[in-house]
N, C-alpha and C. Protein backbone atom coordinates (compact mmCIF):
# COMPACT_ATOMS: atom_id res chain seq x y z
N MET A 1 102.54 106.34 122.04
CA MET A 1 103.66 106.73 122.87
C MET A 1 104.94 106.32 122.18
N VAL A 2 105.93 107.20 122.25
CA VAL A 2 107.21 106.95 121.58
C VAL A 2 108.15 106.25 122.55
N GLU A 3 108.74 105.16 122.07
CA GLU A 3 109.69 104.41 122.87
C GLU A 3 111.02 105.16 122.91
N PRO A 4 111.81 105.05 124.00
CA PRO A 4 113.14 105.67 124.02
C PRO A 4 114.01 105.03 122.93
N MET A 5 114.81 105.86 122.28
CA MET A 5 115.65 105.37 121.19
C MET A 5 117.10 105.33 121.63
N ASP A 6 117.82 104.32 121.13
CA ASP A 6 119.24 104.21 121.43
C ASP A 6 120.04 105.27 120.68
N GLU A 7 119.66 105.53 119.45
CA GLU A 7 120.36 106.54 118.68
C GLU A 7 119.39 107.63 118.29
N LYS A 8 119.91 108.81 118.05
CA LYS A 8 119.06 109.94 117.69
C LYS A 8 118.60 109.79 116.24
N VAL A 9 117.41 110.31 115.99
CA VAL A 9 116.85 110.26 114.65
C VAL A 9 116.47 111.67 114.26
N ARG A 10 116.82 112.09 113.07
CA ARG A 10 116.48 113.44 112.59
C ARG A 10 115.41 113.30 111.51
N ILE A 11 114.47 114.23 111.53
CA ILE A 11 113.43 114.25 110.51
C ILE A 11 113.81 115.32 109.50
N GLU A 12 113.92 114.91 108.24
CA GLU A 12 114.24 115.83 107.17
C GLU A 12 113.19 115.68 106.08
N ASP A 13 112.51 116.76 105.75
CA ASP A 13 111.48 116.77 104.71
C ASP A 13 110.42 115.70 104.94
N GLY A 14 110.02 115.52 106.19
CA GLY A 14 108.96 114.57 106.51
C GLY A 14 109.40 113.13 106.52
N GLU A 15 110.66 112.84 106.27
CA GLU A 15 111.18 111.47 106.27
C GLU A 15 112.13 111.28 107.43
N LEU A 16 112.22 110.08 107.93
CA LEU A 16 113.13 109.76 109.02
C LEU A 16 114.53 109.53 108.46
N ASN A 17 115.52 110.10 109.11
CA ASN A 17 116.90 109.93 108.69
C ASN A 17 117.72 109.55 109.92
N PRO A 18 118.16 108.27 110.04
CA PRO A 18 118.88 107.85 111.24
C PRO A 18 120.27 108.45 111.36
N LYS A 19 120.81 109.03 110.28
CA LYS A 19 122.14 109.63 110.36
C LYS A 19 122.04 110.97 111.07
N LEU A 20 122.87 111.16 112.05
CA LEU A 20 122.90 112.40 112.80
C LEU A 20 124.34 112.70 113.14
N SER A 21 124.79 113.87 112.82
CA SER A 21 126.19 114.18 113.06
C SER A 21 126.46 114.34 114.55
N ALA A 22 127.69 114.11 114.93
CA ALA A 22 128.10 114.18 116.33
C ALA A 22 128.01 115.60 116.85
N GLU A 23 128.18 116.59 115.98
CA GLU A 23 128.15 117.97 116.47
C GLU A 23 126.74 118.56 116.51
N SER A 24 125.72 117.73 116.32
CA SER A 24 124.36 118.23 116.36
C SER A 24 124.03 118.76 117.75
N LYS A 25 123.35 119.88 117.77
CA LYS A 25 122.98 120.50 119.04
C LYS A 25 121.50 120.31 119.34
N THR A 26 120.83 119.43 118.64
CA THR A 26 119.41 119.19 118.84
C THR A 26 119.23 118.25 120.02
N SER A 27 118.36 118.65 120.95
CA SER A 27 118.12 117.81 122.12
C SER A 27 117.20 116.65 121.75
N GLY A 28 117.20 115.62 122.57
CA GLY A 28 116.36 114.45 122.33
C GLY A 28 114.89 114.79 122.36
N SER A 29 114.46 115.69 123.26
CA SER A 29 113.04 116.03 123.35
C SER A 29 112.57 116.77 122.11
N GLU A 30 113.43 117.60 121.50
CA GLU A 30 113.06 118.29 120.27
C GLU A 30 112.88 117.30 119.13
N ILE A 31 113.73 116.30 119.09
CA ILE A 31 113.63 115.29 118.04
C ILE A 31 112.35 114.49 118.20
N VAL A 32 112.05 114.06 119.42
CA VAL A 32 110.85 113.27 119.66
C VAL A 32 109.60 114.09 119.37
N SER A 33 109.58 115.38 119.78
CA SER A 33 108.40 116.19 119.51
C SER A 33 108.24 116.40 118.01
N GLY A 34 109.38 116.54 117.28
CA GLY A 34 109.31 116.64 115.82
C GLY A 34 108.77 115.37 115.21
N LEU A 35 109.19 114.24 115.75
CA LEU A 35 108.71 112.94 115.28
C LEU A 35 107.22 112.82 115.56
N ASP A 36 106.79 113.20 116.76
CA ASP A 36 105.38 113.13 117.11
C ASP A 36 104.54 114.01 116.19
N GLN A 37 105.01 115.22 115.93
CA GLN A 37 104.26 116.13 115.08
C GLN A 37 104.17 115.59 113.66
N SER A 38 105.25 115.03 113.17
CA SER A 38 105.25 114.49 111.82
C SER A 38 104.30 113.30 111.71
N LEU A 39 104.39 112.39 112.67
CA LEU A 39 103.51 111.22 112.65
C LEU A 39 102.05 111.62 112.84
N GLU A 40 101.82 112.60 113.71
CA GLU A 40 100.45 113.07 113.92
C GLU A 40 99.88 113.69 112.65
N LYS A 41 100.69 114.47 111.97
CA LYS A 41 100.25 115.09 110.72
C LYS A 41 99.92 114.04 109.67
N LYS A 42 100.77 113.01 109.56
CA LYS A 42 100.52 111.93 108.60
C LYS A 42 99.25 111.16 108.97
N LEU A 43 99.05 110.90 110.28
CA LEU A 43 97.86 110.18 110.72
C LEU A 43 96.60 110.98 110.44
N LEU A 44 96.61 112.27 110.75
CA LEU A 44 95.43 113.09 110.50
C LEU A 44 95.13 113.19 109.00
N TRP A 45 96.16 113.26 108.18
CA TRP A 45 95.95 113.29 106.73
C TRP A 45 95.31 111.98 106.27
N LYS A 46 95.79 110.86 106.80
CA LYS A 46 95.23 109.56 106.43
C LYS A 46 93.77 109.46 106.86
N LEU A 47 93.46 109.95 108.06
CA LEU A 47 92.08 109.97 108.52
C LEU A 47 91.21 110.85 107.63
N ASP A 48 91.74 112.01 107.27
CA ASP A 48 90.98 112.92 106.41
C ASP A 48 90.66 112.27 105.07
N ILE A 49 91.60 111.54 104.53
CA ILE A 49 91.40 110.91 103.22
C ILE A 49 90.38 109.76 103.31
N HIS A 50 90.40 108.99 104.40
CA HIS A 50 89.54 107.82 104.50
C HIS A 50 88.20 108.08 105.19
N VAL A 51 88.17 108.96 106.18
CA VAL A 51 86.97 109.15 106.98
C VAL A 51 86.10 110.31 106.47
N LEU A 52 86.70 111.40 106.09
CA LEU A 52 85.92 112.58 105.69
C LEU A 52 85.00 112.36 104.49
N PRO A 53 85.39 111.62 103.47
CA PRO A 53 84.42 111.40 102.38
C PRO A 53 83.15 110.69 102.87
N MET A 54 83.31 109.69 103.73
CA MET A 54 82.13 108.98 104.24
C MET A 54 81.30 109.91 105.13
N ILE A 55 81.94 110.70 105.97
CA ILE A 55 81.21 111.64 106.82
C ILE A 55 80.46 112.64 105.96
N SER A 56 81.09 113.11 104.90
CA SER A 56 80.44 114.08 104.00
C SER A 56 79.20 113.47 103.36
N ILE A 57 79.30 112.23 102.92
CA ILE A 57 78.15 111.56 102.32
C ILE A 57 77.03 111.41 103.35
N LEU A 58 77.38 111.03 104.57
CA LEU A 58 76.36 110.87 105.61
C LEU A 58 75.71 112.19 105.98
N TYR A 59 76.49 113.27 106.05
CA TYR A 59 75.91 114.59 106.30
C TYR A 59 74.93 114.97 105.18
N MET A 60 75.32 114.69 103.95
CA MET A 60 74.45 114.99 102.83
C MET A 60 73.14 114.20 102.92
N LEU A 61 73.24 112.91 103.25
CA LEU A 61 72.05 112.08 103.39
C LEU A 61 71.16 112.57 104.53
N ALA A 62 71.77 113.00 105.64
CA ALA A 62 70.99 113.53 106.75
C ALA A 62 70.25 114.79 106.33
N PHE A 63 70.92 115.65 105.57
CA PHE A 63 70.29 116.88 105.11
C PHE A 63 69.14 116.58 104.15
N ILE A 64 69.38 115.68 103.21
CA ILE A 64 68.34 115.31 102.25
C ILE A 64 67.16 114.70 102.99
N ASP A 65 67.44 113.85 103.96
CA ASP A 65 66.38 113.20 104.73
C ASP A 65 65.55 114.23 105.50
N ARG A 66 66.24 115.22 106.04
CA ARG A 66 65.56 116.24 106.84
C ARG A 66 64.63 117.10 105.99
N ILE A 67 65.01 117.41 104.76
CA ILE A 67 64.21 118.31 103.94
C ILE A 67 63.31 117.58 102.94
N ASN A 68 63.43 116.29 102.84
CA ASN A 68 62.69 115.53 101.84
C ASN A 68 61.19 115.54 102.07
N ILE A 69 60.75 115.84 103.27
CA ILE A 69 59.31 115.89 103.53
C ILE A 69 58.65 117.00 102.70
N GLY A 70 59.40 118.03 102.37
CA GLY A 70 58.87 119.08 101.50
C GLY A 70 58.57 118.55 100.11
N ASN A 71 59.45 117.70 99.59
CA ASN A 71 59.20 117.07 98.29
C ASN A 71 57.99 116.14 98.37
N ALA A 72 57.84 115.45 99.49
CA ALA A 72 56.71 114.54 99.66
C ALA A 72 55.40 115.33 99.67
N LYS A 73 55.42 116.53 100.25
CA LYS A 73 54.20 117.35 100.27
C LYS A 73 53.81 117.74 98.86
N ILE A 74 54.80 118.12 98.06
CA ILE A 74 54.51 118.50 96.68
C ILE A 74 53.92 117.32 95.91
N GLN A 75 54.37 116.11 96.22
CA GLN A 75 53.90 114.91 95.53
C GLN A 75 52.59 114.35 96.09
N GLY A 76 51.98 115.05 97.06
CA GLY A 76 50.65 114.64 97.53
C GLY A 76 50.62 114.00 98.90
N LEU A 77 51.60 114.25 99.75
CA LEU A 77 51.63 113.67 101.10
C LEU A 77 50.39 114.07 101.90
N THR A 78 50.03 115.34 101.84
CA THR A 78 48.90 115.82 102.65
C THR A 78 47.59 115.15 102.22
N ALA A 79 47.41 114.93 100.94
CA ALA A 79 46.19 114.26 100.47
C ALA A 79 46.21 112.78 100.82
N ASP A 80 47.36 112.13 100.66
CA ASP A 80 47.45 110.69 100.94
C ASP A 80 47.20 110.37 102.40
N LEU A 81 47.69 111.21 103.29
CA LEU A 81 47.52 110.95 104.73
C LEU A 81 46.35 111.72 105.32
N LYS A 82 45.56 112.35 104.45
CA LYS A 82 44.37 113.09 104.87
C LYS A 82 44.69 114.14 105.94
N MET A 83 45.73 114.91 105.68
CA MET A 83 46.18 115.93 106.62
C MET A 83 45.38 117.22 106.38
N THR A 84 45.02 117.88 107.48
CA THR A 84 44.27 119.13 107.39
C THR A 84 44.90 120.17 108.29
N GLY A 85 44.61 121.41 108.03
CA GLY A 85 45.05 122.50 108.90
C GLY A 85 46.55 122.52 109.10
N ASN A 86 46.95 122.48 110.36
CA ASN A 86 48.37 122.55 110.75
C ASN A 86 49.04 121.19 110.87
N ASP A 87 48.43 120.15 110.38
CA ASP A 87 49.00 118.81 110.52
C ASP A 87 50.40 118.72 109.92
N TYR A 88 50.57 119.30 108.74
CA TYR A 88 51.88 119.25 108.09
C TYR A 88 52.92 120.00 108.92
N ASN A 89 52.55 121.15 109.45
CA ASN A 89 53.48 121.93 110.28
C ASN A 89 53.85 121.19 111.55
N VAL A 90 52.90 120.49 112.13
CA VAL A 90 53.19 119.70 113.34
C VAL A 90 54.16 118.57 113.00
N ALA A 91 53.94 117.93 111.85
CA ALA A 91 54.85 116.85 111.43
C ALA A 91 56.27 117.38 111.22
N LEU A 92 56.39 118.60 110.72
CA LEU A 92 57.72 119.20 110.58
C LEU A 92 58.32 119.54 111.94
N PHE A 93 57.52 120.11 112.81
CA PHE A 93 58.00 120.61 114.09
C PHE A 93 58.41 119.48 115.04
N VAL A 94 57.68 118.38 115.02
CA VAL A 94 57.92 117.31 115.98
C VAL A 94 59.32 116.70 115.81
N PHE A 95 59.91 116.84 114.65
CA PHE A 95 61.27 116.36 114.42
C PHE A 95 62.27 117.07 115.32
N PHE A 96 62.10 118.37 115.51
CA PHE A 96 63.09 119.19 116.20
C PHE A 96 63.03 119.06 117.72
N ILE A 97 61.94 118.59 118.28
CA ILE A 97 61.84 118.44 119.74
C ILE A 97 62.88 117.44 120.25
N PRO A 98 62.88 116.18 119.79
CA PRO A 98 63.92 115.26 120.28
C PRO A 98 65.31 115.63 119.76
N TYR A 99 65.37 116.24 118.58
CA TYR A 99 66.67 116.63 118.02
C TYR A 99 67.38 117.58 118.96
N ILE A 100 66.66 118.54 119.50
CA ILE A 100 67.25 119.52 120.42
C ILE A 100 67.45 118.91 121.81
N LEU A 101 66.48 118.17 122.31
CA LEU A 101 66.55 117.63 123.66
C LEU A 101 67.59 116.53 123.84
N PHE A 102 67.88 115.77 122.81
CA PHE A 102 68.75 114.61 122.95
C PHE A 102 70.16 114.79 122.40
N GLU A 103 70.51 116.00 121.93
CA GLU A 103 71.88 116.22 121.46
C GLU A 103 72.89 116.09 122.60
N VAL A 104 72.61 116.73 123.71
CA VAL A 104 73.55 116.68 124.85
C VAL A 104 73.61 115.29 125.46
N PRO A 105 72.47 114.64 125.76
CA PRO A 105 72.57 113.27 126.30
C PRO A 105 73.29 112.30 125.35
N SER A 106 73.11 112.49 124.07
CA SER A 106 73.81 111.63 123.11
C SER A 106 75.32 111.84 123.20
N ASN A 107 75.74 113.08 123.36
CA ASN A 107 77.18 113.35 123.50
C ASN A 107 77.71 112.77 124.80
N LEU A 108 76.91 112.79 125.85
CA LEU A 108 77.35 112.18 127.10
C LEU A 108 77.48 110.66 126.96
N LEU A 109 76.59 110.07 126.19
CA LEU A 109 76.68 108.63 125.95
C LEU A 109 77.93 108.26 125.15
N LEU A 110 78.41 109.19 124.33
CA LEU A 110 79.63 108.93 123.57
C LEU A 110 80.83 108.71 124.48
N LYS A 111 80.77 109.25 125.70
CA LYS A 111 81.87 109.04 126.63
C LYS A 111 81.77 107.70 127.34
N LYS A 112 80.58 107.12 127.38
CA LYS A 112 80.36 105.83 128.05
C LYS A 112 80.45 104.66 127.07
N ILE A 113 79.96 104.89 125.86
CA ILE A 113 79.92 103.84 124.84
C ILE A 113 80.93 104.20 123.76
N LYS A 114 81.58 103.21 123.17
CA LYS A 114 82.53 103.48 122.10
C LYS A 114 81.82 104.23 120.97
N PRO A 115 82.44 105.29 120.44
CA PRO A 115 81.79 106.05 119.36
C PRO A 115 81.43 105.19 118.16
N SER A 116 82.26 104.21 117.82
CA SER A 116 81.93 103.37 116.68
C SER A 116 80.65 102.58 116.92
N THR A 117 80.45 102.11 118.14
CA THR A 117 79.24 101.36 118.47
C THR A 117 78.03 102.27 118.51
N TRP A 118 78.16 103.41 119.19
CA TRP A 118 77.03 104.34 119.34
C TRP A 118 76.60 104.90 118.00
N LEU A 119 77.54 105.38 117.21
CA LEU A 119 77.19 105.98 115.92
C LEU A 119 76.63 104.95 114.95
N SER A 120 77.15 103.74 115.00
CA SER A 120 76.59 102.67 114.16
C SER A 120 75.15 102.36 114.55
N ALA A 121 74.88 102.33 115.84
CA ALA A 121 73.53 102.04 116.33
C ALA A 121 72.54 103.14 115.92
N ILE A 122 72.94 104.40 116.09
CA ILE A 122 72.00 105.46 115.72
C ILE A 122 71.82 105.56 114.21
N MET A 123 72.87 105.24 113.45
CA MET A 123 72.72 105.24 111.99
C MET A 123 71.81 104.09 111.54
N PHE A 124 71.91 102.96 112.19
CA PHE A 124 71.03 101.84 111.87
C PHE A 124 69.58 102.21 112.19
N GLY A 125 69.36 102.78 113.37
CA GLY A 125 68.01 103.23 113.75
C GLY A 125 67.48 104.29 112.80
N TRP A 126 68.35 105.20 112.40
CA TRP A 126 67.97 106.26 111.47
C TRP A 126 67.50 105.64 110.15
N GLY A 127 68.20 104.66 109.65
CA GLY A 127 67.82 104.00 108.40
C GLY A 127 66.48 103.29 108.51
N ILE A 128 66.27 102.59 109.62
CA ILE A 128 64.99 101.88 109.83
C ILE A 128 63.84 102.88 109.86
N ILE A 129 64.01 103.96 110.60
CA ILE A 129 62.94 104.96 110.72
C ILE A 129 62.69 105.66 109.39
N THR A 130 63.73 105.88 108.61
CA THR A 130 63.54 106.51 107.29
C THR A 130 62.70 105.61 106.39
N VAL A 131 62.95 104.32 106.42
CA VAL A 131 62.15 103.37 105.63
C VAL A 131 60.71 103.37 106.15
N CYS A 132 60.54 103.36 107.46
CA CYS A 132 59.19 103.37 108.04
C CYS A 132 58.43 104.65 107.65
N GLN A 133 59.15 105.77 107.62
CA GLN A 133 58.51 107.03 107.23
C GLN A 133 58.03 106.97 105.78
N GLY A 134 58.77 106.28 104.96
CA GLY A 134 58.39 106.16 103.55
C GLY A 134 57.18 105.28 103.31
N VAL A 135 56.91 104.35 104.21
CA VAL A 135 55.78 103.42 104.00
C VAL A 135 54.61 103.67 104.95
N THR A 136 54.69 104.74 105.74
CA THR A 136 53.60 105.00 106.68
C THR A 136 52.30 105.31 105.94
N GLN A 137 51.19 104.89 106.53
CA GLN A 137 49.88 105.06 105.90
C GLN A 137 48.96 105.99 106.68
N SER A 138 49.50 106.62 107.76
CA SER A 138 48.64 107.49 108.57
C SER A 138 49.43 108.70 109.05
N TYR A 139 48.69 109.72 109.43
CA TYR A 139 49.30 110.93 109.97
C TYR A 139 50.03 110.63 111.29
N ALA A 140 49.42 109.81 112.14
CA ALA A 140 50.06 109.46 113.42
C ALA A 140 51.37 108.71 113.19
N GLY A 141 51.39 107.84 112.20
CA GLY A 141 52.63 107.13 111.87
C GLY A 141 53.71 108.09 111.38
N LEU A 142 53.32 109.09 110.60
CA LEU A 142 54.28 110.08 110.12
C LEU A 142 54.86 110.88 111.28
N VAL A 143 54.01 111.30 112.20
CA VAL A 143 54.48 112.08 113.36
C VAL A 143 55.40 111.23 114.22
N ALA A 144 55.05 109.97 114.45
CA ALA A 144 55.90 109.08 115.24
C ALA A 144 57.26 108.88 114.56
N CYS A 145 57.25 108.69 113.25
CA CYS A 145 58.51 108.51 112.52
C CYS A 145 59.36 109.77 112.58
N ARG A 146 58.74 110.93 112.44
CA ARG A 146 59.48 112.19 112.51
C ARG A 146 60.10 112.37 113.90
N PHE A 147 59.37 111.98 114.95
CA PHE A 147 59.89 112.09 116.31
C PHE A 147 61.14 111.21 116.47
N PHE A 148 61.04 109.95 116.06
CA PHE A 148 62.17 109.03 116.21
C PHE A 148 63.32 109.38 115.26
N LEU A 149 63.00 109.96 114.12
CA LEU A 149 64.04 110.43 113.22
C LEU A 149 64.86 111.53 113.89
N GLY A 150 64.18 112.46 114.56
CA GLY A 150 64.88 113.50 115.31
C GLY A 150 65.71 112.92 116.45
N LEU A 151 65.18 111.89 117.09
CA LEU A 151 65.89 111.23 118.18
C LEU A 151 67.20 110.61 117.70
N PHE A 152 67.14 109.90 116.58
CA PHE A 152 68.35 109.24 116.07
C PHE A 152 69.33 110.23 115.45
N GLU A 153 68.82 111.24 114.77
CA GLU A 153 69.72 112.20 114.15
C GLU A 153 70.37 113.13 115.16
N ALA A 154 69.83 113.23 116.36
CA ALA A 154 70.38 114.14 117.38
C ALA A 154 71.83 113.81 117.71
N GLY A 155 72.18 112.56 117.73
CA GLY A 155 73.54 112.18 118.08
C GLY A 155 74.50 112.12 116.91
N PHE A 156 73.97 112.19 115.70
CA PHE A 156 74.82 112.04 114.53
C PHE A 156 75.71 113.25 114.27
N VAL A 157 75.11 114.43 114.16
CA VAL A 157 75.88 115.62 113.78
C VAL A 157 76.97 115.95 114.80
N PRO A 158 76.66 115.98 116.11
CA PRO A 158 77.75 116.26 117.04
C PRO A 158 78.68 115.07 117.26
N GLY A 159 78.24 113.87 116.95
CA GLY A 159 79.04 112.68 117.20
C GLY A 159 80.13 112.43 116.18
N MET A 160 79.95 112.84 114.94
CA MET A 160 80.93 112.55 113.91
C MET A 160 82.27 113.25 114.15
N PRO A 161 82.30 114.54 114.50
CA PRO A 161 83.60 115.14 114.82
C PRO A 161 84.27 114.46 116.02
N PHE A 162 83.46 114.02 117.00
CA PHE A 162 83.99 113.31 118.15
C PHE A 162 84.64 112.01 117.71
N ARG A 163 84.01 111.32 116.78
CA ARG A 163 84.55 110.06 116.25
C ARG A 163 85.91 110.30 115.60
N LYS A 164 86.02 111.37 114.81
CA LYS A 164 87.29 111.66 114.15
C LYS A 164 88.35 111.99 115.18
N ARG A 165 87.98 112.75 116.24
CA ARG A 165 88.94 113.11 117.26
C ARG A 165 89.42 111.86 118.02
N VAL A 166 88.51 110.92 118.27
CA VAL A 166 88.88 109.68 118.97
C VAL A 166 89.79 108.84 118.10
N LEU A 167 89.50 108.78 116.79
CA LEU A 167 90.36 108.01 115.89
C LEU A 167 91.77 108.59 115.86
N ALA A 168 91.87 109.90 115.95
CA ALA A 168 93.18 110.54 115.87
C ALA A 168 94.00 110.36 117.14
N SER A 169 93.34 110.14 118.25
CA SER A 169 94.12 110.02 119.51
C SER A 169 94.55 108.60 119.79
């Protein structure tokens, strides 16, 4: 919120200039809205520079994590876990059940819990489950890990833009 100013301030080329001529016909509300727009633009640019690279890396990791099971199959996942028939397809499919079902509830939780807390918690859970998926020794363990991976990732993709919007406000 902008505090009332004793003297008028003019914005020129994105910089504040306290000098203002007496014959200026600019109203105080136009000056304040110009100041707000300039500061908002600078804040959003700063957020873009600091937050977007990390978000991009996390999106990339989520994508790699989601498709990496295909690489594991090529390297012998089905033989190691003694999978037969449609077992591999079930392991792929079970990820999307909680992913779809928990996207909306996760967004609702973002309104109750601070986004920084909620997103940190689901990212921590996502990391733990990813490690567990890598060391699982059974088909049931793989399916359970895929289910919980979908559960934790459900709040990540829709939550990151919300986090940026909250930071900006």
